[in-house]
Amino acid sequence: MSTGLRIRPTAVAGSFYPAEPDALLAELERAYAAAAPVAPSVPPKAIVGPHAGYVYSGPVAATAYAQVRSRRATVERVVLLGPSHHVAFAGMAVSTADAFATPLGPLRVDVAGREAVLALPGVLGWDAPHAREHSLEVHLPFILDALGEVAILPIVVGRAPADQVAAVLDAVWGGAETLLVVSTDLSHYHAYEEATGLDQATVAAVEGGRPDDVGPSDACGVYPLRGLLVATGRRGMRGRAVDVRNSGDTAGSRDRVVGYGAFVFA
């Protein structure tokens, strides 16, 4: 990639995932080794995956990306939506950067897609929500590893109505060249058994195409997730859970767990 471009630097490399390339590749391999098996199916148009530290949610994220590795030759752009953890705002924010850095190399931003969504209600060109946000960043190494040097359109979603988010997805829906990714964890800080029940209720809402039945305490990425459910529902698509676990299953105690889910929409 040529010099002189504005690149959004990594914010959580070295904490959520390794900052050194070889260590990161090894961590990705471990995540895929611990992922759920891929069942034969139509390659997904959209996936949902978690965004915690790789030691906790990496295997579930790997399950989501394992479903789309077969699309490496066709996907040219990934539209990535995740929640805002550090800046409270209404609407959606796209970065003005030309590329996002990863330890494995930069991923360029889809400028045409950015201009298209900036013309829509509720979308701002604003870098502050992106500066420290991990919900998008932790997906980037998975994207680069699974799909290669694709273009990305990273969107931080604040408090935004589902129809508004769906309109953004409609504008960049594209064809086989475009993959949609929503980043969200599920329930937070419940005991293991309670969390399992809560997350299964969320799975049922997602698979049933019921965005109003997913609340902020059910998924931290509730706003992008609801928008995806509206956009896919209008097209007769339903989500399917391919992996649902929590931090008590991966690397944490079972006293206070965080839930993770991988879903596909085809």
C-alpha atoms as a PDB file:
ATOM      1  CA  MET A   1       0.000   0.000   0.000  1.00  0.00           C
ATOM      2  CA  SER A   2       1.386   3.406  -0.961  1.00  0.00           C
ATOM      3  CA  THR A   3       2.668   5.816   1.657  1.00  0.00           C
ATOM      4  CA  GLY A   4       0.956   9.088   2.492  1.00  0.00           C
ATOM      5  CA  LEU A   5      -2.366   7.434   3.279  1.00  0.00           C
ATOM      6  CA  ARG A   6      -4.200   8.022   6.546  1.00  0.00           C
ATOM      7  CA  ILE A   7      -4.108   4.740   8.462  1.00  0.00           C
ATOM      8  CA  ARG A   8      -6.095   4.058  11.612  1.00  0.00           C
ATOM      9  CA  PRO A   9      -3.547   2.392  13.948  1.00  0.00           C
ATOM     10  CA  THR A  10      -4.280  -0.658  16.041  1.00  0.00           C
ATOM     11  CA  ALA A  11      -5.673   0.072  19.497  1.00  0.00           C
ATOM     12  CA  VAL A  12      -5.854  -3.355  21.139  1.00  0.00           C
ATOM     13  CA  ALA A  13      -3.057  -5.350  19.474  1.00  0.00           C
ATOM     14  CA  GLY A  14      -1.013  -6.799  22.301  1.00  0.00           C
ATOM     15  CA  SER A  15      -4.006  -7.025  24.630  1.00  0.00           C
ATOM     16  CA  PHE A  16      -7.009  -8.546  22.845  1.00  0.00           C
ATOM     17  CA  TYR A  17      -4.774 -10.407  20.395  1.00  0.00           C
ATOM     18  CA  PRO A  18      -1.012 -10.711  19.727  1.00  0.00           C
ATOM     19  CA  ALA A  19       0.758  -7.709  18.216  1.00  0.00           C
ATOM     20  CA  GLU A  20       3.565  -9.755  16.662  1.00  0.00           C
ATOM     21  CA  PRO A  21       2.652 -11.288  13.273  1.00  0.00           C
ATOM     22  CA  ASP A  22       3.946 -14.817  13.878  1.00  0.00           C
ATOM     23  CA  ALA A  23       2.314 -14.978  17.303  1.00  0.00           C
ATOM     24  CA  LEU A  24      -0.940 -13.679  15.826  1.00  0.00           C
ATOM     25  CA  LEU A  25      -0.923 -16.292  13.055  1.00  0.00           C
ATOM     26  CA  ALA A  26      -0.292 -18.990  15.659  1.00  0.00           C
ATOM     27  CA  GLU A  27      -3.192 -17.668  17.747  1.00  0.00           C
ATOM     28  CA  LEU A  28      -5.467 -17.748  14.696  1.00  0.00           C
ATOM     29  CA  GLU A  29      -4.436 -21.348  14.036  1.00  0.00           C
ATOM     30  CA  ARG A  30      -5.307 -22.263  17.628  1.00  0.00           C
ATOM     31  CA  ALA A  31      -8.680 -20.568  17.254  1.00  0.00           C
ATOM     32  CA  TYR A  32      -9.494 -22.513  14.095  1.00  0.00           C
ATOM     33  CA  ALA A  33      -8.348 -25.742  15.731  1.00  0.00           C
ATOM     34  CA  ALA A  34     -10.862 -25.132  18.536  1.00  0.00           C
ATOM     35  CA  ALA A  35     -13.675 -23.955  16.205  1.00  0.00           C
ATOM     36  CA  ALA A  36     -16.877 -25.901  15.662  1.00  0.00           C
ATOM     37  CA  PRO A  37     -16.935 -28.061  12.498  1.00  0.00           C
ATOM     38  CA  VAL A  38     -18.183 -26.471   9.286  1.00  0.00           C
ATOM     39  CA  ALA A  39     -21.368 -28.089   8.033  1.00  0.00           C
ATOM     40  CA  PRO A  40     -21.868 -28.140   4.243  1.00  0.00           C
ATOM     41  CA  SER A  41     -24.122 -25.268   3.235  1.00  0.00           C
ATOM     42  CA  VAL A  42     -24.545 -22.378   0.840  1.00  0.00           C
ATOM     43  CA  PRO A  43     -21.718 -19.869   1.468  1.00  0.00           C
ATOM     44  CA  PRO A  44     -23.125 -17.143   3.742  1.00  0.00           C
ATOM     45  CA  LYS A  45     -23.916 -13.613   2.627  1.00  0.00           C
ATOM     46  CA  ALA A  46     -23.545 -12.415   6.223  1.00  0.00           C
ATOM     47  CA  ILE A  47     -21.983 -13.667   9.428  1.00  0.00           C
ATOM     48  CA  VAL A  48     -22.148 -12.633  13.069  1.00  0.00           C
ATOM     49  CA  GLY A  49     -19.211 -13.185  15.409  1.00  0.00           C
ATOM     50  CA  PRO A  50     -17.900 -12.065  18.806  1.00  0.00           C
ATOM     51  CA  HIS A  51     -15.239  -9.518  19.689  1.00  0.00           C
ATOM     52  CA  ALA A  52     -13.633 -10.416  23.012  1.00  0.00           C
ATOM     53  CA  GLY A  53      -9.988 -11.277  23.517  1.00  0.00           C
ATOM     54  CA  TYR A  54      -8.991 -14.196  21.320  1.00  0.00           C
ATOM     55  CA  VAL A  55      -8.269 -16.469  24.287  1.00  0.00           C
ATOM     56  CA  TYR A  56     -11.947 -16.156  25.218  1.00  0.00           C
ATOM     57  CA  SER A  57     -13.917 -15.752  21.988  1.00  0.00           C
ATOM     58  CA  GLY A  58     -11.390 -16.660  19.301  1.00  0.00           C
ATOM     59  CA  PRO A  59     -12.716 -20.190  18.680  1.00  0.00           C
ATOM     60  CA  VAL A  60     -16.274 -18.894  18.192  1.00  0.00           C
ATOM     61  CA  ALA A  61     -15.079 -16.118  15.866  1.00  0.00           C
ATOM     62  CA  ALA A  62     -13.063 -18.739  13.974  1.00  0.00           C
ATOM     63  CA  THR A  63     -16.231 -20.802  13.556  1.00  0.00           C
ATOM     64  CA  ALA A  64     -17.884 -17.823  11.849  1.00  0.00           C
ATOM     65  CA  TYR A  65     -14.940 -17.156   9.548  1.00  0.00           C
ATOM     66  CA  ALA A  66     -14.479 -20.832   8.731  1.00  0.00           C
ATOM     67  CA  GLN A  67     -17.886 -20.619   7.032  1.00  0.00           C
ATOM     68  CA  VAL A  68     -16.620 -18.015   4.530  1.00  0.00           C
ATOM     69  CA  ARG A  69     -13.085 -19.176   3.768  1.00  0.00           C
ATOM     70  CA  SER A  70     -14.462 -20.838   0.629  1.00  0.00           C
ATOM     71  CA  ARG A  71     -15.443 -17.369  -0.615  1.00  0.00           C
ATOM     72  CA  ARG A  72     -11.838 -16.109  -0.658  1.00  0.00           C
ATOM     73  CA  ALA A  73     -11.759 -16.001  -4.465  1.00  0.00           C
ATOM     74  CA  THR A  74     -15.025 -14.046  -4.745  1.00  0.00           C
ATOM     75  CA  VAL A  75     -15.252 -11.656  -1.775  1.00  0.00           C
ATOM     76  CA  GLU A  76     -13.738  -8.256  -2.578  1.00  0.00           C
ATOM     77  CA  ARG A  77     -15.322  -6.178   0.193  1.00  0.00           C
ATOM     78  CA  VAL A  78     -16.327  -6.740   3.816  1.00  0.00           C
ATOM     79  CA  VAL A  79     -18.863  -4.402   5.405  1.00  0.00           C
ATOM     80  CA  LEU A  80     -18.146  -4.614   9.139  1.00  0.00           C
ATOM     81  CA  LEU A  81     -20.522  -3.239  11.770  1.00  0.00           C
ATOM     82  CA  GLY A  82     -19.985  -3.256  15.521  1.00  0.00           C
ATOM     83  CA  PRO A  83     -21.103  -1.422  18.655  1.00  0.00           C
ATOM     84  CA  SER A  84     -19.506   1.628  20.229  1.00  0.00           C
ATOM     85  CA  HIS A  85     -17.938   0.891  23.621  1.00  0.00           C
ATOM     86  CA  HIS A  86     -16.208   4.233  24.267  1.00  0.00           C
ATOM     87  CA  VAL A  87     -18.228   7.013  22.613  1.00  0.00           C
ATOM     88  CA  ALA A  88     -21.963   7.355  23.245  1.00  0.00           C
ATOM     89  CA  PHE A  89     -23.798   8.724  20.218  1.00  0.00           C
ATOM     90  CA  ALA A  90     -26.864   8.312  18.044  1.00  0.00           C
ATOM     91  CA  GLY A  91     -26.453   6.989  14.516  1.00  0.00           C
ATOM     92  CA  MET A  92     -23.481   5.394  12.792  1.00  0.00           C
ATOM     93  CA  ALA A  93     -19.897   6.529  12.258  1.00  0.00           C
ATOM     94  CA  VAL A  94     -17.585   5.741   9.363  1.00  0.00           C
ATOM     95  CA  SER A  95     -13.885   6.432   9.634  1.00  0.00           C
ATOM     96  CA  THR A  96     -12.191   8.991   7.384  1.00  0.00           C
ATOM     97  CA  ALA A  97      -9.049   6.834   7.309  1.00  0.00           C
ATOM     98  CA  ASP A  98      -7.817   5.325   4.054  1.00  0.00           C
ATOM     99  CA  ALA A  99      -6.887   2.029   5.701  1.00  0.00           C
ATOM    100  CA  PHE A 100      -6.927   0.179   9.028  1.00  0.00           C
ATOM    101  CA  ALA A 101      -3.697  -1.295  10.351  1.00  0.00           C
ATOM    102  CA  THR A 102      -3.306  -4.890  11.533  1.00  0.00           C
ATOM    103  CA  PRO A 103      -0.150  -6.766  12.572  1.00  0.00           C
ATOM    104  CA  LEU A 104      -0.547  -8.743   9.334  1.00  0.00           C
ATOM    105  CA  GLY A 105      -0.690  -5.626   7.157  1.00  0.00           C
ATOM    106  CA  PRO A 106      -3.243  -2.899   6.417  1.00  0.00           C
ATOM    107  CA  LEU A 107      -6.709  -3.316   4.982  1.00  0.00           C
ATOM    108  CA  ARG A 108      -7.841  -0.509   2.701  1.00  0.00           C
ATOM    109  CA  VAL A 109     -11.161   1.245   3.256  1.00  0.00           C
ATOM    110  CA  ASP A 110     -13.822   1.032   0.547  1.00  0.00           C
ATOM    111  CA  VAL A 111     -14.079   4.731  -0.316  1.00  0.00           C
ATOM    112  CA  ALA A 112     -17.002   4.368  -2.735  1.00  0.00           C
ATOM    113  CA  GLY A 113     -18.991   2.459  -0.141  1.00  0.00           C
ATOM    114  CA  ARG A 114     -18.194   5.074   2.474  1.00  0.00           C
ATOM    115  CA  GLU A 115     -19.471   7.846   0.232  1.00  0.00           C
ATOM    116  CA  ALA A 116     -22.647   5.873  -0.462  1.00  0.00           C
ATOM    117  CA  VAL A 117     -23.521   5.417   3.206  1.00  0.00           C
ATOM    118  CA  LEU A 118     -22.555   8.977   4.128  1.00  0.00           C
ATOM    119  CA  ALA A 119     -25.460  10.115   1.957  1.00  0.00           C
ATOM    120  CA  LEU A 120     -27.897   8.245   4.234  1.00  0.00           C
ATOM    121  CA  PRO A 121     -29.650   9.524   7.373  1.00  0.00           C
ATOM    122  CA  GLY A 122     -27.814   8.960  10.620  1.00  0.00           C
ATOM    123  CA  VAL A 123     -24.372   8.287   9.114  1.00  0.00           C
ATOM    124  CA  LEU A 124     -21.445  10.510  10.090  1.00  0.00           C
ATOM    125  CA  GLY A 125     -17.851  10.732   8.978  1.00  0.00           C
ATOM    126  CA  TRP A 126     -16.323  10.665  12.467  1.00  0.00           C
ATOM    127  CA  ASP A 127     -13.097   9.104  13.667  1.00  0.00           C
ATOM    128  CA  ALA A 128     -13.536   9.416  17.436  1.00  0.00           C
ATOM    129  CA  PRO A 129     -15.731   6.317  17.829  1.00  0.00           C
ATOM    130  CA  HIS A 130     -13.158   4.301  15.861  1.00  0.00           C
ATOM    131  CA  ALA A 131     -10.056   5.424  17.738  1.00  0.00           C
ATOM    132  CA  ARG A 132     -10.231   2.982  20.665  1.00  0.00           C
ATOM    133  CA  GLU A 133     -12.963   0.635  19.444  1.00  0.00           C
ATOM    134  CA  HIS A 134     -12.142  -3.072  19.656  1.00  0.00           C
ATOM    135  CA  SER A 135     -15.420  -4.489  18.327  1.00  0.00           C
ATOM    136  CA  LEU A 136     -14.283  -3.933  14.741  1.00  0.00           C
ATOM    137  CA  GLU A 137     -10.529  -4.234  15.185  1.00  0.00           C
ATOM    138  CA  VAL A 138     -10.485  -7.788  16.539  1.00  0.00           C
ATOM    139  CA  HIS A 139     -12.249  -8.986  13.374  1.00  0.00           C
ATOM    140  CA  LEU A 140      -9.646  -7.548  11.015  1.00  0.00           C
ATOM    141  CA  PRO A 141      -6.972 -10.269  11.414  1.00  0.00           C
ATOM    142  CA  PHE A 142      -9.661 -12.922  10.860  1.00  0.00           C
ATOM    143  CA  ILE A 143     -10.821 -11.093   7.720  1.00  0.00           C
ATOM    144  CA  LEU A 144      -7.319 -10.761   6.324  1.00  0.00           C
ATOM    145  CA  ASP A 145      -6.414 -14.349   7.146  1.00  0.00           C
ATOM    146  CA  ALA A 146      -9.648 -15.850   5.786  1.00  0.00           C
ATOM    147  CA  LEU A 147     -10.282 -13.641   2.754  1.00  0.00           C
ATOM    148  CA  GLY A 148      -7.022 -11.917   1.878  1.00  0.00           C
ATOM    149  CA  GLU A 149      -6.483  -8.234   1.157  1.00  0.00           C
ATOM    150  CA  VAL A 150     -10.115  -7.277   0.659  1.00  0.00           C
ATOM    151  CA  ALA A 151     -11.486  -3.768   1.025  1.00  0.00           C
ATOM    152  CA  ILE A 152     -13.347  -3.039   4.253  1.00  0.00           C
ATOM    153  CA  LEU A 153     -16.098  -0.650   5.242  1.00  0.00           C
ATOM    154  CA  PRO A 154     -15.896  -0.382   9.052  1.00  0.00           C
ATOM    155  CA  ILE A 155     -18.971   1.174  10.699  1.00  0.00           C
ATOM    156  CA  VAL A 156     -19.303   1.864  14.421  1.00  0.00           C
ATOM    157  CA  VAL A 157     -22.989   1.748  15.335  1.00  0.00           C
ATOM    158  CA  GLY A 158     -24.321   3.864  18.172  1.00  0.00           C
ATOM    159  CA  ARG A 159     -27.976   4.088  19.138  1.00  0.00           C
ATOM    160  CA  ALA A 160     -29.536   3.614  15.716  1.00  0.00           C
ATOM    161  CA  PRO A 161     -32.990   2.349  14.726  1.00  0.00           C
ATOM    162  CA  ALA A 162     -32.979  -1.032  13.022  1.00  0.00           C
ATOM    163  CA  ASP A 163     -34.492   0.416   9.835  1.00  0.00           C
ATOM    164  CA  GLN A 164     -31.693   2.996   9.671  1.00  0.00           C
ATOM    165  CA  VAL A 165     -29.021   0.323   9.998  1.00  0.00           C
ATOM    166  CA  ALA A 166     -30.852  -1.844   7.460  1.00  0.00           C
ATOM    167  CA  ALA A 167     -30.855   1.070   4.992  1.00  0.00           C
ATOM    168  CA  VAL A 168     -27.066   1.240   5.265  1.00  0.00           C
ATOM    169  CA  LEU A 169     -26.806  -2.491   4.614  1.00  0.00           C
ATOM    170  CA  ASP A 170     -29.168  -2.161   1.652  1.00  0.00           C
ATOM    171  CA  ALA A 171     -26.959   0.557   0.147  1.00  0.00           C
ATOM    172  CA  VAL A 172     -23.855  -1.651   0.196  1.00  0.00           C
ATOM    173  CA  TRP A 173     -25.490  -5.071  -0.128  1.00  0.00           C
ATOM    174  CA  GLY A 174     -23.893  -5.763  -3.504  1.00  0.00           C
ATOM    175  CA  GLY A 175     -23.519  -9.278  -4.828  1.00  0.00           C
ATOM    176  CA  ALA A 176     -21.141 -12.168  -4.248  1.00  0.00           C
ATOM    177  CA  GLU A 177     -18.273  -9.699  -3.947  1.00  0.00           C
ATOM    178  CA  THR A 178     -19.637  -8.283  -0.669  1.00  0.00           C
ATOM    179  CA  LEU A 179     -19.700 -10.016   2.723  1.00  0.00           C
ATOM    180  CA  LEU A 180     -21.572  -8.483   5.654  1.00  0.00           C
ATOM    181  CA  VAL A 181     -20.197  -8.966   9.168  1.00  0.00           C
ATOM    182  CA  VAL A 182     -21.805  -7.946  12.459  1.00  0.00           C
ATOM    183  CA  SER A 183     -19.706  -7.973  15.612  1.00  0.00           C
ATOM    184  CA  THR A 184     -21.416  -8.694  18.916  1.00  0.00           C
ATOM    185  CA  ASP A 185     -21.009 -10.624  22.127  1.00  0.00           C
ATOM    186  CA  LEU A 186     -24.072 -12.033  23.873  1.00  0.00           C
ATOM    187  CA  SER A 187     -25.011 -11.889  27.581  1.00  0.00           C
ATOM    188  CA  HIS A 188     -22.554 -10.401  30.072  1.00  0.00           C
ATOM    189  CA  TYR A 189     -21.477 -11.422  33.576  1.00  0.00           C
ATOM    190  CA  HIS A 190     -24.087 -13.966  34.583  1.00  0.00           C
ATOM    191  CA  ALA A 191     -23.414 -17.343  36.156  1.00  0.00           C
ATOM    192  CA  TYR A 192     -22.806 -20.076  33.593  1.00  0.00           C
ATOM    193  CA  GLU A 193     -26.210 -21.776  33.734  1.00  0.00           C
ATOM    194  CA  GLU A 194     -28.140 -18.500  33.648  1.00  0.00           C
ATOM    195  CA  ALA A 195     -26.042 -17.182  30.774  1.00  0.00           C
ATOM    196  CA  THR A 196     -26.628 -20.372  28.804  1.00  0.00           C
ATOM    197  CA  GLY A 197     -30.389 -19.941  29.089  1.00  0.00           C
ATOM    198  CA  LEU A 198     -30.287 -16.255  28.210  1.00  0.00           C
ATOM    199  CA  ASP A 199     -28.110 -16.873  25.175  1.00  0.00           C
ATOM    200  CA  GLN A 200     -30.331 -19.675  23.917  1.00  0.00           C
ATOM    201  CA  ALA A 201     -33.275 -17.258  24.035  1.00  0.00           C
ATOM    202  CA  THR A 202     -31.235 -14.815  21.944  1.00  0.00           C
ATOM    203  CA  VAL A 203     -30.357 -17.578  19.495  1.00  0.00           C
ATOM    204  CA  ALA A 204     -34.065 -18.331  19.119  1.00  0.00           C
ATOM    205  CA  ALA A 205     -34.801 -14.648  18.435  1.00  0.00           C
ATOM    206  CA  VAL A 206     -32.033 -14.398  15.840  1.00  0.00           C
ATOM    207  CA  GLU A 207     -32.979 -17.631  14.106  1.00  0.00           C
ATOM    208  CA  GLY A 208     -36.638 -16.602  14.225  1.00  0.00           C
ATOM    209  CA  GLY A 209     -35.889 -13.233  12.626  1.00  0.00           C
ATOM    210  CA  ARG A 210     -37.286 -11.289  15.598  1.00  0.00           C
ATOM    211  CA  PRO A 211     -35.129  -8.166  16.062  1.00  0.00           C
ATOM    212  CA  ASP A 212     -37.406  -6.653  18.696  1.00  0.00           C
ATOM    213  CA  ASP A 213     -36.817  -9.685  20.923  1.00  0.00           C
ATOM    214  CA  VAL A 214     -33.073  -8.963  21.167  1.00  0.00           C
ATOM    215  CA  GLY A 215     -32.402  -6.389  23.870  1.00  0.00           C
ATOM    216  CA  PRO A 216     -29.312  -4.415  24.919  1.00  0.00           C
ATOM    217  CA  SER A 217     -28.624  -6.851  27.765  1.00  0.00           C
ATOM    218  CA  ASP A 218     -28.846  -9.799  25.353  1.00  0.00           C
ATOM    219  CA  ALA A 219     -26.199  -8.597  22.887  1.00  0.00           C
ATOM    220  CA  CYS A 220     -23.838  -5.629  23.220  1.00  0.00           C
ATOM    221  CA  GLY A 221     -24.061  -5.227  19.441  1.00  0.00           C
ATOM    222  CA  VAL A 222     -27.841  -5.116  19.598  1.00  0.00           C
ATOM    223  CA  TYR A 223     -28.196  -2.158  17.204  1.00  0.00           C
ATOM    224  CA  PRO A 224     -26.180  -3.568  14.273  1.00  0.00           C
ATOM    225  CA  LEU A 225     -27.634  -7.021  14.948  1.00  0.00           C
ATOM    226  CA  ARG A 226     -31.213  -5.743  14.803  1.00  0.00           C
ATOM    227  CA  GLY A 227     -30.426  -3.926  11.560  1.00  0.00           C
ATOM    228  CA  LEU A 228     -29.008  -7.097  10.027  1.00  0.00           C
ATOM    229  CA  LEU A 229     -32.113  -9.041  11.053  1.00  0.00           C
ATOM    230  CA  VAL A 230     -34.328  -6.454   9.360  1.00  0.00           C
ATOM    231  CA  ALA A 231     -32.248  -6.352   6.168  1.00  0.00           C
ATOM    232  CA  THR A 232     -32.000 -10.131   5.855  1.00  0.00           C
ATOM    233  CA  GLY A 233     -35.624 -10.649   6.851  1.00  0.00           C
ATOM    234  CA  ARG A 234     -36.794  -8.433   4.004  1.00  0.00           C
ATOM    235  CA  ARG A 235     -34.951 -10.786   1.663  1.00  0.00           C
ATOM    236  CA  GLY A 236     -36.431 -13.936   3.170  1.00  0.00           C
ATOM    237  CA  MET A 237     -33.152 -14.903   4.834  1.00  0.00           C
ATOM    238  CA  ARG A 238     -32.908 -16.380   8.326  1.00  0.00           C
ATOM    239  CA  GLY A 239     -29.892 -16.681  10.547  1.00  0.00           C
ATOM    240  CA  ARG A 240     -28.522 -20.000  11.770  1.00  0.00           C
ATOM    241  CA  ALA A 241     -26.363 -20.459  14.845  1.00  0.00           C
ATOM    242  CA  VAL A 242     -23.214 -22.462  14.088  1.00  0.00           C
ATOM    243  CA  ASP A 243     -21.505 -22.047  17.462  1.00  0.00           C
ATOM    244  CA  VAL A 244     -22.709 -20.760  20.841  1.00  0.00           C
ATOM    245  CA  ARG A 245     -20.367 -20.803  23.816  1.00  0.00           C
ATOM    246  CA  ASN A 246     -19.281 -18.542  26.623  1.00  0.00           C
ATOM    247  CA  SER A 247     -16.080 -17.662  28.420  1.00  0.00           C
ATOM    248  CA  GLY A 248     -16.743 -20.485  30.879  1.00  0.00           C
ATOM    249  CA  ASP A 249     -16.373 -22.921  27.981  1.00  0.00           C
ATOM    250  CA  THR A 250     -13.166 -21.411  26.663  1.00  0.00           C
ATOM    251  CA  ALA A 251     -10.788 -19.765  29.129  1.00  0.00           C
ATOM    252  CA  GLY A 252     -12.617 -18.267  32.076  1.00  0.00           C
ATOM    253  CA  SER A 253     -14.340 -19.067  35.329  1.00  0.00           C
ATOM    254  CA  ARG A 254     -18.003 -20.045  35.293  1.00  0.00           C
ATOM    255  CA  ASP A 255     -19.003 -17.549  37.972  1.00  0.00           C
ATOM    256  CA  ARG A 256     -19.413 -14.534  35.672  1.00  0.00           C
ATOM    257  CA  VAL A 257     -19.279 -15.359  31.990  1.00  0.00           C
ATOM    258  CA  VAL A 258     -19.674 -13.556  28.669  1.00  0.00           C
ATOM    259  CA  GLY A 259     -21.613 -15.251  25.902  1.00  0.00           C
ATOM    260  CA  TYR A 260     -20.438 -15.618  22.308  1.00  0.00           C
ATOM    261  CA  GLY A 261     -22.313 -16.709  19.210  1.00  0.00           C
ATOM    262  CA  ALA A 262     -21.464 -17.356  15.569  1.00  0.00           C
ATOM    263  CA  PHE A 263     -24.334 -17.073  13.085  1.00  0.00           C
ATOM    264  CA  VAL A 264     -24.593 -17.361   9.315  1.00  0.00           C
ATOM    265  CA  PHE A 265     -27.160 -15.887   6.920  1.00  0.00           C
ATOM    266  CA  ALA A 266     -27.402 -17.398   3.448  1.00  0.00           C
END
